[in-house]
Amino acid sequence: MSTWQVVRIVAGSFILLSLALGIPGSPLFVSAWWLAFTAFVGVNLLQSGFTRWCLMESIFAKLGLKRGD
């Protein structure tokens, strides 16, 4: 797997988990403040789309995952 694939899997997992923890109707609800984490992940995805740079992708590359285009 390449870095961009892992980043998207992790980001998608973070979003789904934080929604499950932050939406009051969810059986896993903890606090509505988890929705701030959802927004944080979304802003980082948006930023990386414009700048073509993602900190998490750089970290995974340093851990040995191959960079993908």
C-alpha atoms as a PDB file:
ATOM      1  CA  MET A   1       0.000   0.000   0.000  1.00  0.00           C
ATOM      2  CA  SER A   2       1.230   3.495  -0.687  1.00  0.00           C
ATOM      3  CA  THR A   3       1.164   6.513   1.611  1.00  0.00           C
ATOM      4  CA  TRP A   4      -1.811   8.201  -0.066  1.00  0.00           C
ATOM      5  CA  GLN A   5      -3.920   5.062   0.320  1.00  0.00           C
ATOM      6  CA  VAL A   6      -3.082   4.714   4.015  1.00  0.00           C
ATOM      7  CA  VAL A   7      -3.760   8.421   4.634  1.00  0.00           C
ATOM      8  CA  ARG A   8      -7.216   8.126   3.092  1.00  0.00           C
ATOM      9  CA  ILE A   9      -8.013   4.966   5.073  1.00  0.00           C
ATOM     10  CA  VAL A  10      -6.906   6.605   8.334  1.00  0.00           C
ATOM     11  CA  ALA A  11      -8.750   9.864   7.581  1.00  0.00           C
ATOM     12  CA  GLY A  12     -11.947   8.016   6.683  1.00  0.00           C
ATOM     13  CA  SER A  13     -11.705   5.929   9.843  1.00  0.00           C
ATOM     14  CA  PHE A  14     -11.111   9.033  11.976  1.00  0.00           C
ATOM     15  CA  ILE A  15     -14.131  10.767  10.454  1.00  0.00           C
ATOM     16  CA  LEU A  16     -16.457   7.796  10.954  1.00  0.00           C
ATOM     17  CA  LEU A  17     -15.241   7.226  14.512  1.00  0.00           C
ATOM     18  CA  SER A  18     -15.523  10.879  15.512  1.00  0.00           C
ATOM     19  CA  LEU A  19     -19.027  11.067  14.023  1.00  0.00           C
ATOM     20  CA  ALA A  20     -20.032   7.978  15.987  1.00  0.00           C
ATOM     21  CA  LEU A  21     -18.666   9.546  19.179  1.00  0.00           C
ATOM     22  CA  GLY A  22     -20.051  13.041  18.508  1.00  0.00           C
ATOM     23  CA  ILE A  23     -23.602  12.622  17.191  1.00  0.00           C
ATOM     24  CA  PRO A  24     -26.146  12.446  20.048  1.00  0.00           C
ATOM     25  CA  GLY A  25     -28.260   9.763  18.323  1.00  0.00           C
ATOM     26  CA  SER A  26     -25.321   7.369  18.115  1.00  0.00           C
ATOM     27  CA  PRO A  27     -25.112   4.449  20.564  1.00  0.00           C
ATOM     28  CA  LEU A  28     -21.409   5.335  21.006  1.00  0.00           C
ATOM     29  CA  PHE A  29     -22.087   9.015  21.803  1.00  0.00           C
ATOM     30  CA  VAL A  30     -19.604  10.586  24.230  1.00  0.00           C
ATOM     31  CA  SER A  31     -19.606  14.324  23.554  1.00  0.00           C
ATOM     32  CA  ALA A  32     -20.536  16.707  20.767  1.00  0.00           C
ATOM     33  CA  TRP A  33     -16.960  18.026  20.962  1.00  0.00           C
ATOM     34  CA  TRP A  34     -15.867  14.994  18.914  1.00  0.00           C
ATOM     35  CA  LEU A  35     -17.365  16.805  15.920  1.00  0.00           C
ATOM     36  CA  ALA A  36     -14.510  19.316  16.212  1.00  0.00           C
ATOM     37  CA  PHE A  37     -12.147  16.446  15.414  1.00  0.00           C
ATOM     38  CA  THR A  38     -14.252  15.650  12.346  1.00  0.00           C
ATOM     39  CA  ALA A  39     -13.850  19.273  11.232  1.00  0.00           C
ATOM     40  CA  PHE A  40     -10.081  19.136  11.895  1.00  0.00           C
ATOM     41  CA  VAL A  41      -9.670  16.078   9.659  1.00  0.00           C
ATOM     42  CA  GLY A  42     -11.812  17.679   6.956  1.00  0.00           C
ATOM     43  CA  VAL A  43      -9.800  20.925   7.011  1.00  0.00           C
ATOM     44  CA  ASN A  44      -6.555  18.963   6.718  1.00  0.00           C
ATOM     45  CA  LEU A  45      -7.893  16.985   3.753  1.00  0.00           C
ATOM     46  CA  LEU A  46      -8.970  20.236   2.086  1.00  0.00           C
ATOM     47  CA  GLN A  47      -5.587  21.844   2.760  1.00  0.00           C
ATOM     48  CA  SER A  48      -3.707  18.862   1.359  1.00  0.00           C
ATOM     49  CA  GLY A  49      -5.821  18.970  -1.781  1.00  0.00           C
ATOM     50  CA  PHE A  50      -4.723  22.535  -2.477  1.00  0.00           C
ATOM     51  CA  THR A  51      -1.098  22.365  -1.338  1.00  0.00           C
ATOM     52  CA  ARG A  52      -0.334  18.735  -2.304  1.00  0.00           C
ATOM     53  CA  TRP A  53       1.356  18.305   1.109  1.00  0.00           C
ATOM     54  CA  CYS A  54       0.098  16.190   3.997  1.00  0.00           C
ATOM     55  CA  LEU A  55       1.943  15.779   7.293  1.00  0.00           C
ATOM     56  CA  MET A  56       0.553  12.289   7.856  1.00  0.00           C
ATOM     57  CA  GLU A  57       1.739  11.201   4.407  1.00  0.00           C
ATOM     58  CA  SER A  58       5.233  12.509   5.195  1.00  0.00           C
ATOM     59  CA  ILE A  59       5.231  10.591   8.478  1.00  0.00           C
ATOM     60  CA  PHE A  60       4.175   7.355   6.764  1.00  0.00           C
ATOM     61  CA  ALA A  61       6.893   7.848   4.139  1.00  0.00           C
ATOM     62  CA  LYS A  62       9.510   8.186   6.888  1.00  0.00           C
ATOM     63  CA  LEU A  63       8.139   4.993   8.459  1.00  0.00           C
ATOM     64  CA  GLY A  64       8.946   3.173   5.239  1.00  0.00           C
ATOM     65  CA  LEU A  65       5.751   3.170   3.172  1.00  0.00           C
ATOM     66  CA  LYS A  66       6.308   3.889  -0.484  1.00  0.00           C
ATOM     67  CA  ARG A  67       5.084   7.193  -1.842  1.00  0.00           C
ATOM     68  CA  GLY A  68       2.391   6.940  -4.463  1.00  0.00           C
ATOM     69  CA  ASP A  69       1.166   9.398  -7.064  1.00  0.00           C
END
